[in-house]
Amino acid sequence: MARPLLLHVLVTAPSTEPNRDPSTEELSRFLAVARRVASEVSTLLLEGYRRAHALDEAREKGRSDLVTEHDERAEALVKTRLSELLPEHGLVGEEGTDTAGGASLVWHVDPIDGTSNFAHGHPFFCFAMGLAARREGTPDRPLLGLVTAPAMGLTWTGGVGLGAQRNGQPCNVSNTATLDRALLATGFPSSRASDPDNNYETFLRLDAATHGVRRCGAAAMEIALVADGSYDAFWDLGLKSWDVCAGAAIVEAAGGRTSQLDGAPLVLGARRVALSNGTLHASLLIALAGDAPLPPLTPTLQAALKTPRQVG
């Protein structure tokens, strides 16, 4: 009997006026909805996690870019719940949902970030749900985020005026001040086998100059790990709004900094992005631009980069 009461309370609460950012109280209410939705999605995903033949049943949207029935079912569930609980909000999802219309508040949702991991039975996948403000003539701007990794029992939340939390406890970005002491994370595009702009050379250079660069295949979760201080920074060359929105809101709430790789403010739709603890952000952007004195590639690494990748 709890759900009808929740529906009544959430739907009948005052709505946000157009062209005005939500108050902290309103964002708290929206986060309560996101938690409810994430709990249901997590249950759905765990039902399919490590299920026999999951990989065989996955479809390829592109090389190294999979989609499963659980991606689609999770996105459909989000669409249903938002229409019930926050009917004035829009939704943009990775699997094709777009109900944004003229909404001034839009959720950007990745039902499974790390689908390849999910299909292979690897625990590093997550559900990401970020709320952005939409104003005419400007890109959507992150306000609130939730990232949950159900197989690992981890959930990150954060938003404007709400701070950032990991499993309900306050979290903050790290205080690492130099790249040589930093642990970084990144990703590679699904077109990496054929696209020369595949991030490989930059990855190798920064891996040699830092405590290491991790690549775990779920950008939203890796961004969330910047927010809690596990990673000092993350960059990528080919992300979509649903990969970035939730994590960007959490990183900023945790005291970090976000931007495009050229230093311009991060906006949803920008594909080349960096998110960091803030302290080493400038150093990271300089290094990514190729203007930092990073170690030269060894002959072995140079040869590896020049060798065509075998696919198929």
C-alpha atoms as a PDB file:
ATOM      1  CA  MET A   1       0.000   0.000   0.000  1.00  0.00           C
ATOM      2  CA  ALA A   2       3.056   2.289   0.246  1.00  0.00           C
ATOM      3  CA  ARG A   3       3.368   2.949  -3.454  1.00  0.00           C
ATOM      4  CA  PRO A   4       0.026   4.761  -4.004  1.00  0.00           C
ATOM      5  CA  LEU A   5       0.857   7.068  -1.084  1.00  0.00           C
ATOM      6  CA  LEU A   6       4.295   7.788  -2.532  1.00  0.00           C
ATOM      7  CA  LEU A   7       2.763   8.494  -5.923  1.00  0.00           C
ATOM      8  CA  HIS A   8       0.313  10.935  -4.370  1.00  0.00           C
ATOM      9  CA  VAL A   9       2.948  12.775  -2.352  1.00  0.00           C
ATOM     10  CA  LEU A  10       5.434  13.082  -5.204  1.00  0.00           C
ATOM     11  CA  VAL A  11       3.044  13.945  -7.994  1.00  0.00           C
ATOM     12  CA  THR A  12       1.000  16.476  -6.072  1.00  0.00           C
ATOM     13  CA  ALA A  13       3.997  18.382  -4.681  1.00  0.00           C
ATOM     14  CA  PRO A  14       4.505  21.842  -6.264  1.00  0.00           C
ATOM     15  CA  SER A  15       6.192  21.651  -9.655  1.00  0.00           C
ATOM     16  CA  THR A  16       9.213  23.692 -10.683  1.00  0.00           C
ATOM     17  CA  GLU A  17       8.428  26.859 -12.582  1.00  0.00           C
ATOM     18  CA  PRO A  18       9.825  27.009 -16.130  1.00  0.00           C
ATOM     19  CA  ASN A  19      13.212  28.738 -16.510  1.00  0.00           C
ATOM     20  CA  ARG A  20      13.917  28.493 -12.795  1.00  0.00           C
ATOM     21  CA  ASP A  21      16.381  26.006 -11.343  1.00  0.00           C
ATOM     22  CA  PRO A  22      14.855  23.667  -8.755  1.00  0.00           C
ATOM     23  CA  SER A  23      15.318  24.527  -5.099  1.00  0.00           C
ATOM     24  CA  THR A  24      17.302  22.258  -2.816  1.00  0.00           C
ATOM     25  CA  GLU A  25      14.013  20.951  -1.427  1.00  0.00           C
ATOM     26  CA  GLU A  26      12.796  20.114  -4.917  1.00  0.00           C
ATOM     27  CA  LEU A  27      16.064  18.414  -5.840  1.00  0.00           C
ATOM     28  CA  SER A  28      15.794  16.316  -2.675  1.00  0.00           C
ATOM     29  CA  ARG A  29      12.330  15.250  -3.777  1.00  0.00           C
ATOM     30  CA  PHE A  30      13.596  14.373  -7.257  1.00  0.00           C
ATOM     31  CA  LEU A  31      16.453  12.386  -5.721  1.00  0.00           C
ATOM     32  CA  ALA A  32      13.935  10.380  -3.703  1.00  0.00           C
ATOM     33  CA  VAL A  33      12.263   9.445  -6.983  1.00  0.00           C
ATOM     34  CA  ALA A  34      15.605   8.514  -8.517  1.00  0.00           C
ATOM     35  CA  ARG A  35      16.385   6.264  -5.559  1.00  0.00           C
ATOM     36  CA  ARG A  36      13.034   4.517  -5.941  1.00  0.00           C
ATOM     37  CA  VAL A  37      13.579   4.004  -9.661  1.00  0.00           C
ATOM     38  CA  ALA A  38      17.168   2.836  -9.163  1.00  0.00           C
ATOM     39  CA  SER A  39      16.086   0.258  -6.607  1.00  0.00           C
ATOM     40  CA  GLU A  40      13.630  -1.268  -9.071  1.00  0.00           C
ATOM     41  CA  VAL A  41      16.140  -1.166 -11.927  1.00  0.00           C
ATOM     42  CA  SER A  42      18.814  -2.802  -9.756  1.00  0.00           C
ATOM     43  CA  THR A  43      16.484  -5.678  -8.958  1.00  0.00           C
ATOM     44  CA  LEU A  44      15.759  -6.130 -12.659  1.00  0.00           C
ATOM     45  CA  LEU A  45      19.436  -6.079 -13.631  1.00  0.00           C
ATOM     46  CA  LEU A  46      20.486  -8.531 -10.949  1.00  0.00           C
ATOM     47  CA  GLU A  47      17.865 -10.960 -12.232  1.00  0.00           C
ATOM     48  CA  GLY A  48      19.745 -11.026 -15.536  1.00  0.00           C
ATOM     49  CA  TYR A  49      23.296 -10.745 -14.209  1.00  0.00           C
ATOM     50  CA  ARG A  50      25.434 -13.857 -14.867  1.00  0.00           C
ATOM     51  CA  ARG A  51      22.466 -15.566 -16.462  1.00  0.00           C
ATOM     52  CA  ALA A  52      23.334 -18.410 -18.818  1.00  0.00           C
ATOM     53  CA  HIS A  53      23.571 -17.398 -22.494  1.00  0.00           C
ATOM     54  CA  ALA A  54      23.413 -13.668 -21.699  1.00  0.00           C
ATOM     55  CA  LEU A  55      26.246 -12.954 -24.111  1.00  0.00           C
ATOM     56  CA  ASP A  56      24.717 -15.093 -26.866  1.00  0.00           C
ATOM     57  CA  GLU A  57      21.439 -13.178 -26.544  1.00  0.00           C
ATOM     58  CA  ALA A  58      23.086  -9.744 -26.716  1.00  0.00           C
ATOM     59  CA  ARG A  59      22.894  -7.806 -29.972  1.00  0.00           C
ATOM     60  CA  GLU A  60      25.569  -5.622 -31.499  1.00  0.00           C
ATOM     61  CA  LYS A  61      24.695  -1.981 -32.189  1.00  0.00           C
ATOM     62  CA  GLY A  62      28.246  -1.611 -33.448  1.00  0.00           C
ATOM     63  CA  ARG A  63      31.626  -3.200 -33.001  1.00  0.00           C
ATOM     64  CA  SER A  64      32.177  -3.674 -29.242  1.00  0.00           C
ATOM     65  CA  ASP A  65      28.842  -1.941 -28.547  1.00  0.00           C
ATOM     66  CA  LEU A  66      26.281  -4.394 -27.173  1.00  0.00           C
ATOM     67  CA  VAL A  67      22.657  -4.117 -26.112  1.00  0.00           C
ATOM     68  CA  THR A  68      20.672  -6.694 -24.118  1.00  0.00           C
ATOM     69  CA  GLU A  69      17.018  -7.147 -23.321  1.00  0.00           C
ATOM     70  CA  HIS A  70      17.810  -5.847 -19.831  1.00  0.00           C
ATOM     71  CA  ASP A  71      19.001  -2.509 -21.240  1.00  0.00           C
ATOM     72  CA  GLU A  72      15.659  -2.155 -22.990  1.00  0.00           C
ATOM     73  CA  ARG A  73      13.541  -3.409 -20.106  1.00  0.00           C
ATOM     74  CA  ALA A  74      15.334  -1.133 -17.639  1.00  0.00           C
ATOM     75  CA  GLU A  75      14.825   1.937 -19.830  1.00  0.00           C
ATOM     76  CA  ALA A  76      11.138   1.074 -20.280  1.00  0.00           C
ATOM     77  CA  LEU A  77      10.791   0.780 -16.500  1.00  0.00           C
ATOM     78  CA  VAL A  78      12.385   4.200 -16.001  1.00  0.00           C
ATOM     79  CA  LYS A  79      10.050   5.722 -18.580  1.00  0.00           C
ATOM     80  CA  THR A  80       7.002   4.255 -16.833  1.00  0.00           C
ATOM     81  CA  ARG A  81       8.030   5.359 -13.348  1.00  0.00           C
ATOM     82  CA  LEU A  82       8.931   8.900 -14.402  1.00  0.00           C
ATOM     83  CA  SER A  83       5.612   9.292 -16.199  1.00  0.00           C
ATOM     84  CA  GLU A  84       3.907   8.298 -12.941  1.00  0.00           C
ATOM     85  CA  LEU A  85       6.062  10.182 -10.445  1.00  0.00           C
ATOM     86  CA  LEU A  86       7.409  13.195 -12.336  1.00  0.00           C
ATOM     87  CA  PRO A  87       5.189  13.576 -15.386  1.00  0.00           C
ATOM     88  CA  GLU A  88       6.426  17.085 -16.210  1.00  0.00           C
ATOM     89  CA  HIS A  89      10.019  15.883 -16.580  1.00  0.00           C
ATOM     90  CA  GLY A  90      11.519  14.720 -19.856  1.00  0.00           C
ATOM     91  CA  LEU A  91      13.634  11.619 -20.468  1.00  0.00           C
ATOM     92  CA  VAL A  92      16.483  10.928 -22.868  1.00  0.00           C
ATOM     93  CA  GLY A  93      17.742   7.339 -22.765  1.00  0.00           C
ATOM     94  CA  GLU A  94      20.519   5.442 -24.491  1.00  0.00           C
ATOM     95  CA  GLU A  95      18.108   2.928 -25.999  1.00  0.00           C
ATOM     96  CA  GLY A  96      16.143   5.536 -27.915  1.00  0.00           C
ATOM     97  CA  THR A  97      13.639   7.066 -25.509  1.00  0.00           C
ATOM     98  CA  ASP A  98      13.184  10.818 -25.964  1.00  0.00           C
ATOM     99  CA  THR A  99      10.236  12.443 -24.230  1.00  0.00           C
ATOM    100  CA  ALA A 100      12.061  15.718 -23.537  1.00  0.00           C
ATOM    101  CA  GLY A 101       9.804  17.840 -25.726  1.00  0.00           C
ATOM    102  CA  GLY A 102       9.501  21.258 -24.128  1.00  0.00           C
ATOM    103  CA  ALA A 103      10.396  20.080 -20.618  1.00  0.00           C
ATOM    104  CA  SER A 104      12.667  22.360 -18.620  1.00  0.00           C
ATOM    105  CA  LEU A 105      13.989  19.423 -16.578  1.00  0.00           C
ATOM    106  CA  VAL A 106      15.258  16.353 -18.412  1.00  0.00           C
ATOM    107  CA  TRP A 107      16.629  13.050 -17.102  1.00  0.00           C
ATOM    108  CA  HIS A 108      19.517  11.541 -19.058  1.00  0.00           C
ATOM    109  CA  VAL A 109      19.559   7.802 -18.380  1.00  0.00           C
ATOM    110  CA  ASP A 110      21.887   4.948 -19.213  1.00  0.00           C
ATOM    111  CA  PRO A 111      20.004   1.774 -18.234  1.00  0.00           C
ATOM    112  CA  ILE A 112      23.224  -0.255 -18.241  1.00  0.00           C
ATOM    113  CA  ASP A 113      26.533   1.538 -18.563  1.00  0.00           C
ATOM    114  CA  GLY A 114      29.008  -1.242 -19.167  1.00  0.00           C
ATOM    115  CA  THR A 115      26.693  -3.542 -21.132  1.00  0.00           C
ATOM    116  CA  SER A 116      29.617  -5.621 -22.412  1.00  0.00           C
ATOM    117  CA  ASN A 117      30.688  -6.233 -18.836  1.00  0.00           C
ATOM    118  CA  PHE A 118      27.123  -7.139 -17.874  1.00  0.00           C
ATOM    119  CA  ALA A 119      26.783  -9.585 -20.775  1.00  0.00           C
ATOM    120  CA  HIS A 120      30.083 -11.258 -19.855  1.00  0.00           C
ATOM    121  CA  GLY A 121      29.182 -11.571 -16.166  1.00  0.00           C
ATOM    122  CA  HIS A 122      31.659  -8.891 -15.063  1.00  0.00           C
ATOM    123  CA  PRO A 123      30.456  -6.878 -12.029  1.00  0.00           C
ATOM    124  CA  PHE A 124      31.638  -3.484 -13.310  1.00  0.00           C
ATOM    125  CA  PHE A 125      28.388  -2.138 -14.736  1.00  0.00           C
ATOM    126  CA  CYS A 126      25.960   0.461 -13.468  1.00  0.00           C
ATOM    127  CA  PHE A 127      22.681   2.297 -13.883  1.00  0.00           C
ATOM    128  CA  ALA A 128      23.039   6.066 -14.283  1.00  0.00           C
ATOM    129  CA  MET A 129      20.292   8.653 -13.950  1.00  0.00           C
ATOM    130  CA  GLY A 130      21.092  12.368 -14.154  1.00  0.00           C
ATOM    131  CA  LEU A 131      18.777  15.374 -14.101  1.00  0.00           C
ATOM    132  CA  ALA A 132      19.618  18.409 -16.222  1.00  0.00           C
ATOM    133  CA  ALA A 133      18.156  21.886 -16.640  1.00  0.00           C
ATOM    134  CA  ARG A 134      17.131  22.662 -20.204  1.00  0.00           C
ATOM    135  CA  ARG A 135      16.861  26.251 -21.367  1.00  0.00           C
ATOM    136  CA  GLU A 136      16.063  27.389 -24.883  1.00  0.00           C
ATOM    137  CA  GLY A 137      19.180  27.995 -26.918  1.00  0.00           C
ATOM    138  CA  THR A 138      21.602  26.417 -24.429  1.00  0.00           C
ATOM    139  CA  PRO A 139      22.801  22.828 -23.837  1.00  0.00           C
ATOM    140  CA  ASP A 140      21.367  20.839 -20.944  1.00  0.00           C
ATOM    141  CA  ARG A 141      23.169  21.502 -17.639  1.00  0.00           C
ATOM    142  CA  PRO A 142      23.606  18.750 -14.984  1.00  0.00           C
ATOM    143  CA  LEU A 143      21.894  19.384 -11.643  1.00  0.00           C
ATOM    144  CA  LEU A 144      21.491  16.037  -9.914  1.00  0.00           C
ATOM    145  CA  GLY A 145      22.827  12.514 -10.323  1.00  0.00           C
ATOM    146  CA  LEU A 146      22.540   8.942  -9.141  1.00  0.00           C
ATOM    147  CA  VAL A 147      24.832   6.094 -10.189  1.00  0.00           C
ATOM    148  CA  THR A 148      24.317   2.616  -8.793  1.00  0.00           C
ATOM    149  CA  ALA A 149      26.397  -0.525  -9.345  1.00  0.00           C
ATOM    150  CA  PRO A 150      24.074  -3.301  -8.175  1.00  0.00           C
ATOM    151  CA  ALA A 151      26.544  -6.190  -8.487  1.00  0.00           C
ATOM    152  CA  MET A 152      29.014  -4.289  -6.295  1.00  0.00           C
ATOM    153  CA  GLY A 153      26.554  -2.842  -3.787  1.00  0.00           C
ATOM    154  CA  LEU A 154      27.592   0.747  -4.444  1.00  0.00           C
ATOM    155  CA  THR A 155      25.476   3.848  -5.020  1.00  0.00           C
ATOM    156  CA  TRP A 156      26.628   7.431  -5.520  1.00  0.00           C
ATOM    157  CA  THR A 157      24.367  10.467  -5.361  1.00  0.00           C
ATOM    158  CA  GLY A 158      24.867  14.205  -5.498  1.00  0.00           C
ATOM    159  CA  GLY A 159      23.439  17.469  -6.663  1.00  0.00           C
ATOM    160  CA  VAL A 160      23.432  21.227  -6.393  1.00  0.00           C
ATOM    161  CA  GLY A 161      23.150  22.119  -2.713  1.00  0.00           C
ATOM    162  CA  LEU A 162      22.949  18.456  -1.678  1.00  0.00           C
ATOM    163  CA  GLY A 163      26.608  17.483  -1.473  1.00  0.00           C
ATOM    164  CA  ALA A 164      27.769  14.062  -2.664  1.00  0.00           C
ATOM    165  CA  GLN A 165      27.317  10.664  -1.046  1.00  0.00           C
ATOM    166  CA  ARG A 166      28.610   7.135  -1.495  1.00  0.00           C
ATOM    167  CA  ASN A 167      26.226   4.576  -0.004  1.00  0.00           C
ATOM    168  CA  GLY A 168      24.586   7.361   1.963  1.00  0.00           C
ATOM    169  CA  GLN A 169      27.804   8.682   3.512  1.00  0.00           C
ATOM    170  CA  PRO A 170      29.274  12.060   2.511  1.00  0.00           C
ATOM    171  CA  CYS A 171      32.136  11.818   0.045  1.00  0.00           C
ATOM    172  CA  ASN A 172      34.564  14.248  -1.519  1.00  0.00           C
ATOM    173  CA  VAL A 173      37.114  14.317  -4.289  1.00  0.00           C
ATOM    174  CA  SER A 174      40.756  13.591  -3.495  1.00  0.00           C
ATOM    175  CA  ASN A 175      43.413  16.189  -2.688  1.00  0.00           C
ATOM    176  CA  THR A 176      46.057  14.739  -5.011  1.00  0.00           C
ATOM    177  CA  ALA A 177      47.922  17.724  -6.427  1.00  0.00           C
ATOM    178  CA  THR A 178      50.262  16.323  -9.089  1.00  0.00           C
ATOM    179  CA  LEU A 179      49.862  13.889 -11.958  1.00  0.00           C
ATOM    180  CA  ASP A 180      52.831  11.775 -10.918  1.00  0.00           C
ATOM    181  CA  ARG A 181      50.870  10.784  -7.780  1.00  0.00           C
ATOM    182  CA  ALA A 182      47.482  10.477  -9.482  1.00  0.00           C
ATOM    183  CA  LEU A 183      45.365   7.439 -10.300  1.00  0.00           C
ATOM    184  CA  LEU A 184      43.372   8.153 -13.444  1.00  0.00           C
ATOM    185  CA  ALA A 185      40.675   6.468 -15.495  1.00  0.00           C
ATOM    186  CA  THR A 186      39.613   6.679 -19.123  1.00  0.00           C
ATOM    187  CA  GLY A 187      37.756   4.856 -21.863  1.00  0.00           C
ATOM    188  CA  PHE A 188      38.110   3.924 -25.503  1.00  0.00           C
ATOM    189  CA  PRO A 189      35.513   4.389 -28.263  1.00  0.00           C
ATOM    190  CA  SER A 190      33.647   1.398 -29.647  1.00  0.00           C
ATOM    191  CA  SER A 191      35.210   2.331 -33.009  1.00  0.00           C
ATOM    192  CA  ARG A 192      38.706   1.940 -31.574  1.00  0.00           C
ATOM    193  CA  ALA A 193      39.679  -0.840 -33.999  1.00  0.00           C
ATOM    194  CA  SER A 194      39.428   1.489 -37.000  1.00  0.00           C
ATOM    195  CA  ASP A 195      39.414   5.046 -35.613  1.00  0.00           C
ATOM    196  CA  PRO A 196      42.899   6.569 -35.216  1.00  0.00           C
ATOM    197  CA  ASP A 197      41.454   8.967 -32.614  1.00  0.00           C
ATOM    198  CA  ASN A 198      41.120   6.051 -30.213  1.00  0.00           C
ATOM    199  CA  ASN A 199      42.908   7.428 -27.113  1.00  0.00           C
ATOM    200  CA  TYR A 200      45.546   4.670 -27.128  1.00  0.00           C
ATOM    201  CA  GLU A 201      48.666   6.836 -27.346  1.00  0.00           C
ATOM    202  CA  THR A 202      47.434   9.305 -24.728  1.00  0.00           C
ATOM    203  CA  PHE A 203      46.531   6.391 -22.461  1.00  0.00           C
ATOM    204  CA  LEU A 204      50.026   4.935 -22.725  1.00  0.00           C
ATOM    205  CA  ARG A 205      51.755   8.240 -22.076  1.00  0.00           C
ATOM    206  CA  LEU A 206      49.652   9.094 -19.021  1.00  0.00           C
ATOM    207  CA  ASP A 207      49.860   5.543 -17.704  1.00  0.00           C
ATOM    208  CA  ALA A 208      53.638   5.867 -17.715  1.00  0.00           C
ATOM    209  CA  ALA A 209      53.562   9.283 -16.034  1.00  0.00           C
ATOM    210  CA  THR A 210      51.127   8.540 -13.183  1.00  0.00           C
ATOM    211  CA  HIS A 211      50.260   5.862 -10.644  1.00  0.00           C
ATOM    212  CA  GLY A 212      48.285   4.299 -13.479  1.00  0.00           C
ATOM    213  CA  VAL A 213      45.280   4.673 -15.735  1.00  0.00           C
ATOM    214  CA  ARG A 214      42.339   2.345 -15.225  1.00  0.00           C
ATOM    215  CA  ARG A 215      39.879   1.411 -17.957  1.00  0.00           C
ATOM    216  CA  CYS A 216      36.924  -0.593 -16.692  1.00  0.00           C
ATOM    217  CA  GLY A 217      34.290   0.019 -19.354  1.00  0.00           C
ATOM    218  CA  ALA A 218      31.576   1.910 -17.449  1.00  0.00           C
ATOM    219  CA  ALA A 219      32.151   5.651 -17.720  1.00  0.00           C
ATOM    220  CA  ALA A 220      29.385   6.769 -15.351  1.00  0.00           C
ATOM    221  CA  MET A 221      30.760   4.562 -12.588  1.00  0.00           C
ATOM    222  CA  GLU A 222      34.342   5.657 -13.199  1.00  0.00           C
ATOM    223  CA  ILE A 223      33.246   9.295 -13.011  1.00  0.00           C
ATOM    224  CA  ALA A 224      31.491   8.510  -9.718  1.00  0.00           C
ATOM    225  CA  LEU A 225      34.771   7.064  -8.453  1.00  0.00           C
ATOM    226  CA  VAL A 226      36.332  10.481  -9.058  1.00  0.00           C
ATOM    227  CA  ALA A 227      33.639  11.970  -6.820  1.00  0.00           C
ATOM    228  CA  ASP A 228      34.508   9.696  -3.901  1.00  0.00           C
ATOM    229  CA  GLY A 229      38.276  10.133  -4.271  1.00  0.00           C
ATOM    230  CA  SER A 230      39.071   6.640  -5.546  1.00  0.00           C
ATOM    231  CA  TYR A 231      40.244   8.133  -8.832  1.00  0.00           C
ATOM    232  CA  ASP A 232      41.798  11.560  -9.137  1.00  0.00           C
ATOM    233  CA  ALA A 233      40.510  12.236 -12.653  1.00  0.00           C
ATOM    234  CA  PHE A 234      38.771  10.748 -15.678  1.00  0.00           C
ATOM    235  CA  TRP A 235      38.794  11.714 -19.342  1.00  0.00           C
ATOM    236  CA  ASP A 236      37.165  10.353 -22.487  1.00  0.00           C
ATOM    237  CA  LEU A 237      36.866  11.212 -26.161  1.00  0.00           C
ATOM    238  CA  GLY A 238      33.465   9.854 -27.128  1.00  0.00           C
ATOM    239  CA  LEU A 239      30.788  10.065 -24.450  1.00  0.00           C
ATOM    240  CA  LYS A 240      27.070  10.764 -24.739  1.00  0.00           C
ATOM    241  CA  SER A 241      24.849  12.781 -22.428  1.00  0.00           C
ATOM    242  CA  TRP A 242      23.622   9.703 -20.546  1.00  0.00           C
ATOM    243  CA  ASP A 243      27.217   8.651 -19.831  1.00  0.00           C
ATOM    244  CA  VAL A 244      28.105  12.009 -18.288  1.00  0.00           C
ATOM    245  CA  CYS A 245      25.091  13.747 -16.748  1.00  0.00           C
ATOM    246  CA  ALA A 246      24.734  11.843 -13.481  1.00  0.00           C
ATOM    247  CA  GLY A 247      28.447  11.583 -12.753  1.00  0.00           C
ATOM    248  CA  ALA A 248      29.162  15.215 -13.605  1.00  0.00           C
ATOM    249  CA  ALA A 249      26.544  16.403 -11.120  1.00  0.00           C
ATOM    250  CA  ILE A 250      28.015  14.151  -8.425  1.00  0.00           C
ATOM    251  CA  VAL A 251      31.625  15.207  -9.095  1.00  0.00           C
ATOM    252  CA  GLU A 252      30.715  18.887  -8.895  1.00  0.00           C
ATOM    253  CA  ALA A 253      28.744  18.264  -5.690  1.00  0.00           C
ATOM    254  CA  ALA A 254      31.815  16.506  -4.261  1.00  0.00           C
ATOM    255  CA  GLY A 255      33.992  19.552  -4.895  1.00  0.00           C
ATOM    256  CA  GLY A 256      35.501  18.501  -8.210  1.00  0.00           C
ATOM    257  CA  ARG A 257      35.743  20.178 -11.571  1.00  0.00           C
ATOM    258  CA  THR A 258      34.347  19.288 -14.985  1.00  0.00           C
ATOM    259  CA  SER A 259      35.136  20.623 -18.436  1.00  0.00           C
ATOM    260  CA  GLN A 260      35.641  19.795 -22.053  1.00  0.00           C
ATOM    261  CA  LEU A 261      39.171  18.828 -23.055  1.00  0.00           C
ATOM    262  CA  ASP A 262      39.814  22.300 -24.462  1.00  0.00           C
ATOM    263  CA  GLY A 263      38.916  23.820 -21.089  1.00  0.00           C
ATOM    264  CA  ALA A 264      35.471  25.029 -22.113  1.00  0.00           C
ATOM    265  CA  PRO A 265      32.649  24.395 -19.618  1.00  0.00           C
ATOM    266  CA  LEU A 266      31.209  20.901 -19.713  1.00  0.00           C
ATOM    267  CA  VAL A 267      27.875  20.771 -21.480  1.00  0.00           C
ATOM    268  CA  LEU A 268      25.785  17.729 -22.260  1.00  0.00           C
ATOM    269  CA  GLY A 269      26.440  16.762 -25.839  1.00  0.00           C
ATOM    270  CA  ALA A 270      30.176  17.462 -25.608  1.00  0.00           C
ATOM    271  CA  ARG A 271      31.950  14.167 -26.252  1.00  0.00           C
ATOM    272  CA  ARG A 272      35.529  15.040 -25.241  1.00  0.00           C
ATOM    273  CA  VAL A 273      35.397  15.640 -21.498  1.00  0.00           C
ATOM    274  CA  ALA A 274      37.495  15.658 -18.345  1.00  0.00           C
ATOM    275  CA  LEU A 275      36.357  15.404 -14.727  1.00  0.00           C
ATOM    276  CA  SER A 276      38.786  15.698 -11.840  1.00  0.00           C
ATOM    277  CA  ASN A 277      39.384  16.609  -8.222  1.00  0.00           C
ATOM    278  CA  GLY A 278      39.905  20.171  -9.428  1.00  0.00           C
ATOM    279  CA  THR A 279      43.408  20.553  -8.014  1.00  0.00           C
ATOM    280  CA  LEU A 280      45.118  18.817 -10.915  1.00  0.00           C
ATOM    281  CA  HIS A 281      42.577  19.720 -13.596  1.00  0.00           C
ATOM    282  CA  ALA A 282      44.787  22.235 -15.393  1.00  0.00           C
ATOM    283  CA  SER A 283      47.737  19.835 -15.377  1.00  0.00           C
ATOM    284  CA  LEU A 284      45.536  17.088 -16.789  1.00  0.00           C
ATOM    285  CA  LEU A 285      44.233  19.250 -19.631  1.00  0.00           C
ATOM    286  CA  ILE A 286      47.761  20.327 -20.528  1.00  0.00           C
ATOM    287  CA  ALA A 287      48.911  16.712 -20.553  1.00  0.00           C
ATOM    288  CA  LEU A 288      45.948  15.627 -22.668  1.00  0.00           C
ATOM    289  CA  ALA A 289      46.690  18.413 -25.127  1.00  0.00           C
ATOM    290  CA  GLY A 290      50.168  16.965 -25.592  1.00  0.00           C
ATOM    291  CA  ASP A 291      51.898  19.996 -24.096  1.00  0.00           C
ATOM    292  CA  ALA A 292      53.235  18.349 -20.954  1.00  0.00           C
ATOM    293  CA  PRO A 293      56.684  16.741 -20.629  1.00  0.00           C
ATOM    294  CA  LEU A 294      55.372  13.196 -20.418  1.00  0.00           C
ATOM    295  CA  PRO A 295      57.749  10.252 -20.900  1.00  0.00           C
ATOM    296  CA  PRO A 296      58.372   9.343 -24.550  1.00  0.00           C
ATOM    297  CA  LEU A 297      56.948   6.087 -25.825  1.00  0.00           C
ATOM    298  CA  THR A 298      59.347   3.191 -25.792  1.00  0.00           C
ATOM    299  CA  PRO A 299      60.125   1.459 -29.109  1.00  0.00           C
ATOM    300  CA  THR A 300      57.965  -1.467 -28.026  1.00  0.00           C
ATOM    301  CA  LEU A 301      54.942   0.745 -27.362  1.00  0.00           C
ATOM    302  CA  GLN A 302      55.524   2.658 -30.595  1.00  0.00           C
ATOM    303  CA  ALA A 303      55.506  -0.621 -32.516  1.00  0.00           C
ATOM    304  CA  ALA A 304      52.355  -1.769 -30.735  1.00  0.00           C
ATOM    305  CA  LEU A 305      50.532   1.424 -31.707  1.00  0.00           C
ATOM    306  CA  LYS A 306      51.519   0.994 -35.345  1.00  0.00           C
ATOM    307  CA  THR A 307      50.410  -2.632 -35.526  1.00  0.00           C
ATOM    308  CA  PRO A 308      46.856  -2.966 -36.905  1.00  0.00           C
ATOM    309  CA  ARG A 309      44.457  -4.397 -34.350  1.00  0.00           C
ATOM    310  CA  GLN A 310      43.076  -7.789 -35.297  1.00  0.00           C
ATOM    311  CA  VAL A 311      39.290  -7.985 -35.140  1.00  0.00           C
ATOM    312  CA  GLY A 312      36.744 -10.631 -35.918  1.00  0.00           C
END
